[in-house]
Amino acid sequence: MEKVSVNSITIQVAAHSTREEAEQHLIRLSAKGFEGRIRTPDTSKGDKYFRVWVGEFSTNDEAESFAAQLQEEGFHTYIRRIQ
């Protein structure tokens, strides 16, 4: 998995119970010209979802602007802080 900076902001576009479903979501993103990554579940904390994240931003304004582009292409978005 790609490393991300602690305390940066990303956009979550999906959470799937299997890696295969998350990979399919990445293919959809790529077809629309976006690059995403899969966040593997942290099972030690009870997490069981493969999350699909797009981008890494330093401000909410940057993330919101990019999220609007994703939404225009039909993706659901959730802006979240990476900790």
PDB file of N, CA and C in Angstrom:
ATOM      1  N   MET A   1       0.829  -1.179   0.000  1.00  0.00           N
ATOM      2  CA  MET A   1       0.000   0.000   0.000  1.00  0.00           C
ATOM      3  C   MET A   1       0.871   1.239   0.000  1.00  0.00           C
ATOM      4  N   GLU A   2       0.423   2.250  -0.689  1.00  0.00           N
ATOM      5  CA  GLU A   2       1.127   3.516  -0.788  1.00  0.00           C
ATOM      6  C   GLU A   2       1.123   4.227   0.561  1.00  0.00           C
ATOM      7  N   LYS A   3       2.251   4.798   0.936  1.00  0.00           N
ATOM      8  CA  LYS A   3       2.348   5.551   2.185  1.00  0.00           C
ATOM      9  C   LYS A   3       1.661   6.902   2.029  1.00  0.00           C
ATOM     10  N   VAL A   4       0.981   7.351   3.066  1.00  0.00           N
ATOM     11  CA  VAL A   4       0.378   8.676   3.084  1.00  0.00           C
ATOM     12  C   VAL A   4       0.885   9.406   4.315  1.00  0.00           C
ATOM     13  N   SER A   5       0.883  10.715   4.240  1.00  0.00           N
ATOM     14  CA  SER A   5       1.344  11.525   5.368  1.00  0.00           C
ATOM     15  C   SER A   5       0.342  11.478   6.498  1.00  0.00           C
ATOM     16  N   VAL A   6       0.836  11.446   7.700  1.00  0.00           N
ATOM     17  CA  VAL A   6      -0.032  11.501   8.867  1.00  0.00           C
ATOM     18  C   VAL A   6      -0.609  12.910   8.959  1.00  0.00           C
ATOM     19  N   ASN A   7      -1.884  12.996   9.316  1.00  0.00           N
ATOM     20  CA  ASN A   7      -2.599  14.254   9.481  1.00  0.00           C
ATOM     21  C   ASN A   7      -2.836  14.987   8.173  1.00  0.00           C
ATOM     22  N   SER A   8      -2.842  14.269   7.061  1.00  0.00           N
ATOM     23  CA  SER A   8      -3.275  14.874   5.818  1.00  0.00           C
ATOM     24  C   SER A   8      -4.742  14.481   5.604  1.00  0.00           C
ATOM     25  N   ILE A   9      -5.304  14.903   4.500  1.00  0.00           N
ATOM     26  CA  ILE A   9      -6.718  14.673   4.217  1.00  0.00           C
ATOM     27  C   ILE A   9      -6.824  13.884   2.920  1.00  0.00           C
ATOM     28  N   THR A  10      -7.755  12.950   2.868  1.00  0.00           N
ATOM     29  CA  THR A  10      -8.010  12.186   1.651  1.00  0.00           C
ATOM     30  C   THR A  10      -9.512  12.147   1.401  1.00  0.00           C
ATOM     31  N   ILE A  11      -9.871  11.601   0.252  1.00  0.00           N
ATOM     32  CA  ILE A  11     -11.282  11.435  -0.087  1.00  0.00           C
ATOM     33  C   ILE A  11     -11.553   9.942  -0.216  1.00  0.00           C
ATOM     34  N   GLN A  12     -12.475   9.463   0.571  1.00  0.00           N
ATOM     35  CA  GLN A  12     -12.890   8.064   0.474  1.00  0.00           C
ATOM     36  C   GLN A  12     -14.048   7.987  -0.500  1.00  0.00           C
ATOM     37  N   VAL A  13     -13.947   7.072  -1.465  1.00  0.00           N
ATOM     38  CA  VAL A  13     -15.026   6.910  -2.437  1.00  0.00           C
ATOM     39  C   VAL A  13     -15.747   5.572  -2.297  1.00  0.00           C
ATOM     40  N   ALA A  14     -15.195   4.673  -1.473  1.00  0.00           N
ATOM     41  CA  ALA A  14     -15.849   3.375  -1.287  1.00  0.00           C
ATOM     42  C   ALA A  14     -15.256   2.640  -0.099  1.00  0.00           C
ATOM     43  N   ALA A  15     -16.032   1.693   0.426  1.00  0.00           N
ATOM     44  CA  ALA A  15     -15.576   0.761   1.458  1.00  0.00           C
ATOM     45  C   ALA A  15     -16.193  -0.587   1.118  1.00  0.00           C
ATOM     46  N   HIS A  16     -15.336  -1.561   0.831  1.00  0.00           N
ATOM     47  CA  HIS A  16     -15.808  -2.881   0.392  1.00  0.00           C
ATOM     48  C   HIS A  16     -15.336  -3.963   1.342  1.00  0.00           C
ATOM     49  N   SER A  17     -16.101  -5.048   1.402  1.00  0.00           N
ATOM     50  CA  SER A  17     -15.744  -6.150   2.292  1.00  0.00           C
ATOM     51  C   SER A  17     -14.689  -7.075   1.684  1.00  0.00           C
ATOM     52  N   THR A  18     -14.441  -6.955   0.363  1.00  0.00           N
ATOM     53  CA  THR A  18     -13.401  -7.777  -0.257  1.00  0.00           C
ATOM     54  C   THR A  18     -12.433  -6.908  -1.060  1.00  0.00           C
ATOM     55  N   ARG A  19     -11.205  -7.366  -1.165  1.00  0.00           N
ATOM     56  CA  ARG A  19     -10.195  -6.654  -1.963  1.00  0.00           C
ATOM     57  C   ARG A  19     -10.626  -6.601  -3.430  1.00  0.00           C
ATOM     58  N   GLU A  20     -11.219  -7.682  -3.922  1.00  0.00           N
ATOM     59  CA  GLU A  20     -11.639  -7.744  -5.320  1.00  0.00           C
ATOM     60  C   GLU A  20     -12.629  -6.625  -5.657  1.00  0.00           C
ATOM     61  N   GLU A  21     -13.594  -6.386  -4.740  1.00  0.00           N
ATOM     62  CA  GLU A  21     -14.557  -5.296  -4.971  1.00  0.00           C
ATOM     63  C   GLU A  21     -13.853  -3.947  -4.976  1.00  0.00           C
ATOM     64  N   ALA A  22     -12.905  -3.759  -4.066  1.00  0.00           N
ATOM     65  CA  ALA A  22     -12.158  -2.502  -4.006  1.00  0.00           C
ATOM     66  C   ALA A  22     -11.343  -2.309  -5.279  1.00  0.00           C
ATOM     67  N   GLU A  23     -10.740  -3.380  -5.783  1.00  0.00           N
ATOM     68  CA  GLU A  23      -9.968  -3.285  -7.021  1.00  0.00           C
ATOM     69  C   GLU A  23     -10.861  -2.920  -8.201  1.00  0.00           C
ATOM     70  N   GLN A  24     -12.078  -3.426  -8.221  1.00  0.00           N
ATOM     71  CA  GLN A  24     -13.019  -3.060  -9.276  1.00  0.00           C
ATOM     72  C   GLN A  24     -13.346  -1.562  -9.218  1.00  0.00           C
ATOM     73  N   HIS A  25     -13.434  -1.048  -8.013  1.00  0.00           N
ATOM     74  CA  HIS A  25     -13.683   0.389  -7.845  1.00  0.00           C
ATOM     75  C   HIS A  25     -12.495   1.197  -8.379  1.00  0.00           C
ATOM     76  N   LEU A  26     -11.283   0.714  -8.134  1.00  0.00           N
ATOM     77  CA  LEU A  26     -10.089   1.377  -8.675  1.00  0.00           C
ATOM     78  C   LEU A  26     -10.125   1.408 -10.197  1.00  0.00           C
ATOM     79  N   ILE A  27     -10.597   0.337 -10.801  1.00  0.00           N
ATOM     80  CA  ILE A  27     -10.700   0.280 -12.259  1.00  0.00           C
ATOM     81  C   ILE A  27     -11.683   1.337 -12.758  1.00  0.00           C
ATOM     82  N   ARG A  28     -12.809   1.477 -12.069  1.00  0.00           N
ATOM     83  CA  ARG A  28     -13.793   2.520 -12.439  1.00  0.00           C
ATOM     84  C   ARG A  28     -13.181   3.913 -12.321  1.00  0.00           C
ATOM     85  N   LEU A  29     -12.427   4.136 -11.227  1.00  0.00           N
ATOM     86  CA  LEU A  29     -11.765   5.430 -11.059  1.00  0.00           C
ATOM     87  C   LEU A  29     -10.792   5.699 -12.203  1.00  0.00           C
ATOM     88  N   SER A  30      -9.976   4.713 -12.505  1.00  0.00           N
ATOM     89  CA  SER A  30      -8.969   4.845 -13.554  1.00  0.00           C
ATOM     90  C   SER A  30      -9.613   5.140 -14.903  1.00  0.00           C
ATOM     91  N   ALA A  31     -10.733   4.507 -15.177  1.00  0.00           N
ATOM     92  CA  ALA A  31     -11.439   4.730 -16.439  1.00  0.00           C
ATOM     93  C   ALA A  31     -11.915   6.174 -16.571  1.00  0.00           C
ATOM     94  N   LYS A  32     -12.114   6.837 -15.443  1.00  0.00           N
ATOM     95  CA  LYS A  32     -12.549   8.244 -15.441  1.00  0.00           C
ATOM     96  C   LYS A  32     -11.371   9.207 -15.280  1.00  0.00           C
ATOM     97  N   GLY A  33     -10.144   8.656 -15.235  1.00  0.00           N
ATOM     98  CA  GLY A  33      -8.957   9.506 -15.161  1.00  0.00           C
ATOM     99  C   GLY A  33      -8.473   9.835 -13.761  1.00  0.00           C
ATOM    100  N   PHE A  34      -8.954   9.105 -12.768  1.00  0.00           N
ATOM    101  CA  PHE A  34      -8.546   9.344 -11.385  1.00  0.00           C
ATOM    102  C   PHE A  34      -7.647   8.214 -10.902  1.00  0.00           C
ATOM    103  N   GLU A  35      -6.719   8.552 -10.018  1.00  0.00           N
ATOM    104  CA  GLU A  35      -5.842   7.547  -9.432  1.00  0.00           C
ATOM    105  C   GLU A  35      -6.219   7.363  -7.968  1.00  0.00           C
ATOM    106  N   GLY A  36      -6.460   6.131  -7.588  1.00  0.00           N
ATOM    107  CA  GLY A  36      -6.830   5.841  -6.209  1.00  0.00           C
ATOM    108  C   GLY A  36      -5.906   4.807  -5.604  1.00  0.00           C
ATOM    109  N   ARG A  37      -6.182   4.486  -4.358  1.00  0.00           N
ATOM    110  CA  ARG A  37      -5.418   3.454  -3.659  1.00  0.00           C
ATOM    111  C   ARG A  37      -6.352   2.746  -2.679  1.00  0.00           C
ATOM    112  N   ILE A  38      -5.954   1.553  -2.307  1.00  0.00           N
ATOM    113  CA  ILE A  38      -6.756   0.758  -1.371  1.00  0.00           C
ATOM    114  C   ILE A  38      -6.102   0.808  -0.009  1.00  0.00           C
ATOM    115  N   ARG A  39      -6.889   1.131   0.986  1.00  0.00           N
ATOM    116  CA  ARG A  39      -6.456   1.095   2.383  1.00  0.00           C
ATOM    117  C   ARG A  39      -6.901  -0.255   2.947  1.00  0.00           C
ATOM    118  N   THR A  40      -5.933  -1.083   3.304  1.00  0.00           N
ATOM    119  CA  THR A  40      -6.212  -2.410   3.845  1.00  0.00           C
ATOM    120  C   THR A  40      -6.803  -2.290   5.246  1.00  0.00           C
ATOM    121  N   PRO A  41      -7.770  -3.128   5.594  1.00  0.00           N
ATOM    122  CA  PRO A  41      -8.382  -3.047   6.927  1.00  0.00           C
ATOM    123  C   PRO A  41      -7.374  -3.297   8.048  1.00  0.00           C
ATOM    124  N   ASP A  42      -7.536  -2.573   9.132  1.00  0.00           N
ATOM    125  CA  ASP A  42      -6.723  -2.792  10.334  1.00  0.00           C
ATOM    126  C   ASP A  42      -7.518  -3.734  11.232  1.00  0.00           C
ATOM    127  N   THR A  43      -7.316  -5.026  11.021  1.00  0.00           N
ATOM    128  CA  THR A  43      -8.103  -6.020  11.745  1.00  0.00           C
ATOM    129  C   THR A  43      -7.856  -6.004  13.244  1.00  0.00           C
ATOM    130  N   SER A  44      -6.708  -5.474  13.671  1.00  0.00           N
ATOM    131  CA  SER A  44      -6.442  -5.387  15.108  1.00  0.00           C
ATOM    132  C   SER A  44      -7.392  -4.414  15.795  1.00  0.00           C
ATOM    133  N   LYS A  45      -7.996  -3.516  15.007  1.00  0.00           N
ATOM    134  CA  LYS A  45      -8.965  -2.551  15.544  1.00  0.00           C
ATOM    135  C   LYS A  45     -10.391  -2.914  15.164  1.00  0.00           C
ATOM    136  N   GLY A  46     -10.567  -4.133  14.637  1.00  0.00           N
ATOM    137  CA  GLY A  46     -11.899  -4.591  14.275  1.00  0.00           C
ATOM    138  C   GLY A  46     -12.381  -4.104  12.914  1.00  0.00           C
ATOM    139  N   ASP A  47     -11.515  -3.441  12.165  1.00  0.00           N
ATOM    140  CA  ASP A  47     -11.887  -2.945  10.843  1.00  0.00           C
ATOM    141  C   ASP A  47     -11.927  -4.117   9.872  1.00  0.00           C
ATOM    142  N   LYS A  48     -12.936  -4.148   9.012  1.00  0.00           N
ATOM    143  CA  LYS A  48     -13.039  -5.244   8.057  1.00  0.00           C
ATOM    144  C   LYS A  48     -13.275  -4.765   6.628  1.00  0.00           C
ATOM    145  N   TYR A  49     -13.081  -3.473   6.383  1.00  0.00           N
ATOM    146  CA  TYR A  49     -13.366  -2.934   5.056  1.00  0.00           C
ATOM    147  C   TYR A  49     -12.105  -2.470   4.337  1.00  0.00           C
ATOM    148  N   PHE A  50     -12.062  -2.764   3.035  1.00  0.00           N
ATOM    149  CA  PHE A  50     -11.032  -2.244   2.148  1.00  0.00           C
ATOM    150  C   PHE A  50     -11.552  -0.910   1.629  1.00  0.00           C
ATOM    151  N   ARG A  51     -10.920   0.163   2.061  1.00  0.00           N
ATOM    152  CA  ARG A  51     -11.378   1.496   1.691  1.00  0.00           C
ATOM    153  C   ARG A  51     -10.630   1.983   0.451  1.00  0.00           C
ATOM    154  N   VAL A  52     -11.362   2.651  -0.420  1.00  0.00           N
ATOM    155  CA  VAL A  52     -10.755   3.213  -1.626  1.00  0.00           C
ATOM    156  C   VAL A  52     -10.636   4.713  -1.419  1.00  0.00           C
ATOM    157  N   TRP A  53      -9.381   5.181  -1.449  1.00  0.00           N
ATOM    158  CA  TRP A  53      -9.081   6.586  -1.212  1.00  0.00           C
ATOM    159  C   TRP A  53      -8.518   7.222  -2.469  1.00  0.00           C
ATOM    160  N   VAL A  54      -8.810   8.503  -2.633  1.00  0.00           N
ATOM    161  CA  VAL A  54      -8.299   9.276  -3.762  1.00  0.00           C
ATOM    162  C   VAL A  54      -7.665  10.547  -3.226  1.00  0.00           C
ATOM    163  N   GLY A  55      -6.432  10.801  -3.638  1.00  0.00           N
ATOM    164  CA  GLY A  55      -5.764  12.057  -3.320  1.00  0.00           C
ATOM    165  C   GLY A  55      -5.258  12.156  -1.897  1.00  0.00           C
ATOM    166  N   GLU A  56      -4.433  13.174  -1.723  1.00  0.00           N
ATOM    167  CA  GLU A  56      -3.902  13.540  -0.415  1.00  0.00           C
ATOM    168  C   GLU A  56      -3.791  15.062  -0.410  1.00  0.00           C
ATOM    169  N   PHE A  57      -4.458  15.698   0.523  1.00  0.00           N
ATOM    170  CA  PHE A  57      -4.589  17.150   0.526  1.00  0.00           C
ATOM    171  C   PHE A  57      -4.191  17.711   1.883  1.00  0.00           C
ATOM    172  N   SER A  58      -3.751  18.961   1.877  1.00  0.00           N
ATOM    173  CA  SER A  58      -3.352  19.581   3.145  1.00  0.00           C
ATOM    174  C   SER A  58      -4.482  20.423   3.750  1.00  0.00           C
ATOM    175  N   THR A  59      -5.500  20.767   2.947  1.00  0.00           N
ATOM    176  CA  THR A  59      -6.618  21.560   3.476  1.00  0.00           C
ATOM    177  C   THR A  59      -7.956  20.959   3.058  1.00  0.00           C
ATOM    178  N   ASN A  60      -8.990  21.261   3.844  1.00  0.00           N
ATOM    179  CA  ASN A  60     -10.340  20.820   3.499  1.00  0.00           C
ATOM    180  C   ASN A  60     -10.802  21.443   2.192  1.00  0.00           C
ATOM    181  N   ASP A  61     -10.434  22.714   1.947  1.00  0.00           N
ATOM    182  CA  ASP A  61     -10.851  23.376   0.714  1.00  0.00           C
ATOM    183  C   ASP A  61     -10.339  22.639  -0.517  1.00  0.00           C
ATOM    184  N   GLU A  62      -9.072  22.212  -0.490  1.00  0.00           N
ATOM    185  CA  GLU A  62      -8.514  21.458  -1.619  1.00  0.00           C
ATOM    186  C   GLU A  62      -9.278  20.147  -1.809  1.00  0.00           C
ATOM    187  N   ALA A  63      -9.524  19.460  -0.708  1.00  0.00           N
ATOM    188  CA  ALA A  63     -10.229  18.179  -0.779  1.00  0.00           C
ATOM    189  C   ALA A  63     -11.659  18.370  -1.282  1.00  0.00           C
ATOM    190  N   GLU A  64     -12.342  19.388  -0.813  1.00  0.00           N
ATOM    191  CA  GLU A  64     -13.719  19.641  -1.243  1.00  0.00           C
ATOM    192  C   GLU A  64     -13.787  19.954  -2.729  1.00  0.00           C
ATOM    193  N   SER A  65     -12.823  20.699  -3.225  1.00  0.00           N
ATOM    194  CA  SER A  65     -12.781  21.032  -4.646  1.00  0.00           C
ATOM    195  C   SER A  65     -12.605  19.763  -5.488  1.00  0.00           C
ATOM    196  N   PHE A  66     -11.697  18.902  -5.061  1.00  0.00           N
ATOM    197  CA  PHE A  66     -11.461  17.659  -5.793  1.00  0.00           C
ATOM    198  C   PHE A  66     -12.648  16.712  -5.653  1.00  0.00           C
ATOM    199  N   ALA A  67     -13.257  16.683  -4.481  1.00  0.00           N
ATOM    200  CA  ALA A  67     -14.431  15.835  -4.257  1.00  0.00           C
ATOM    201  C   ALA A  67     -15.560  16.218  -5.213  1.00  0.00           C
ATOM    202  N   ALA A  68     -15.697  17.509  -5.486  1.00  0.00           N
ATOM    203  CA  ALA A  68     -16.730  17.963  -6.420  1.00  0.00           C
ATOM    204  C   ALA A  68     -16.502  17.375  -7.816  1.00  0.00           C
ATOM    205  N   GLN A  69     -15.241  17.281  -8.233  1.00  0.00           N
ATOM    206  CA  GLN A  69     -14.918  16.677  -9.531  1.00  0.00           C
ATOM    207  C   GLN A  69     -15.307  15.191  -9.540  1.00  0.00           C
ATOM    208  N   LEU A  70     -15.002  14.501  -8.447  1.00  0.00           N
ATOM    209  CA  LEU A  70     -15.359  13.085  -8.338  1.00  0.00           C
ATOM    210  C   LEU A  70     -16.878  12.903  -8.378  1.00  0.00           C
ATOM    211  N   GLN A  71     -17.594  13.767  -7.682  1.00  0.00           N
ATOM    212  CA  GLN A  71     -19.050  13.681  -7.650  1.00  0.00           C
ATOM    213  C   GLN A  71     -19.644  13.909  -9.037  1.00  0.00           C
ATOM    214  N   GLU A  72     -19.062  14.833  -9.797  1.00  0.00           N
ATOM    215  CA  GLU A  72     -19.531  15.085 -11.164  1.00  0.00           C
ATOM    216  C   GLU A  72     -19.398  13.835 -12.031  1.00  0.00           C
ATOM    217  N   GLU A  73     -18.442  12.971 -11.700  1.00  0.00           N
ATOM    218  CA  GLU A  73     -18.234  11.733 -12.447  1.00  0.00           C
ATOM    219  C   GLU A  73     -19.001  10.550 -11.848  1.00  0.00           C
ATOM    220  N   GLY A  74     -19.842  10.834 -10.842  1.00  0.00           N
ATOM    221  CA  GLY A  74     -20.719   9.807 -10.300  1.00  0.00           C
ATOM    222  C   GLY A  74     -20.214   9.052  -9.085  1.00  0.00           C
ATOM    223  N   PHE A  75     -19.144   9.537  -8.462  1.00  0.00           N
ATOM    224  CA  PHE A  75     -18.609   8.861  -7.283  1.00  0.00           C
ATOM    225  C   PHE A  75     -19.143   9.514  -6.015  1.00  0.00           C
ATOM    226  N   HIS A  76     -19.432   8.690  -5.018  1.00  0.00           N
ATOM    227  CA  HIS A  76     -19.792   9.188  -3.693  1.00  0.00           C
ATOM    228  C   HIS A  76     -18.487   9.567  -3.005  1.00  0.00           C
ATOM    229  N   THR A  77     -18.513  10.615  -2.210  1.00  0.00           N
ATOM    230  CA  THR A  77     -17.278  11.052  -1.562  1.00  0.00           C
ATOM    231  C   THR A  77     -17.486  11.274  -0.075  1.00  0.00           C
ATOM    232  N   TYR A  78     -16.419  11.024   0.659  1.00  0.00           N
ATOM    233  CA  TYR A  78     -16.379  11.270   2.095  1.00  0.00           C
ATOM    234  C   TYR A  78     -14.971  11.779   2.402  1.00  0.00           C
ATOM    235  N   ILE A  79     -14.885  13.009   2.820  1.00  0.00           N
ATOM    236  CA  ILE A  79     -13.581  13.607   3.145  1.00  0.00           C
ATOM    237  C   ILE A  79     -13.194  13.174   4.546  1.00  0.00           C
ATOM    238  N   ARG A  80     -11.963  12.654   4.663  1.00  0.00           N
ATOM    239  CA  ARG A  80     -11.533  12.171   5.968  1.00  0.00           C
ATOM    240  C   ARG A  80     -10.073  12.515   6.233  1.00  0.00           C
ATOM    241  N   ARG A  81      -9.797  12.736   7.489  1.00  0.00           N
ATOM    242  CA  ARG A  81      -8.425  13.005   7.932  1.00  0.00           C
ATOM    243  C   ARG A  81      -7.702  11.675   8.129  1.00  0.00           C
ATOM    244  N   ILE A  82      -6.479  11.604   7.642  1.00  0.00           N
ATOM    245  CA  ILE A  82      -5.650  10.404   7.801  1.00  0.00           C
ATOM    246  C   ILE A  82      -4.876  10.579   9.094  1.00  0.00           C
ATOM    247  N   GLN A  83      -4.991   9.610   9.983  1.00  0.00           N
ATOM    248  CA  GLN A  83      -4.305   9.719  11.269  1.00  0.00           C
ATOM    249  C   GLN A  83      -3.280   8.648  11.430  1.00  0.00           C
TER     250      GLN A  83
END
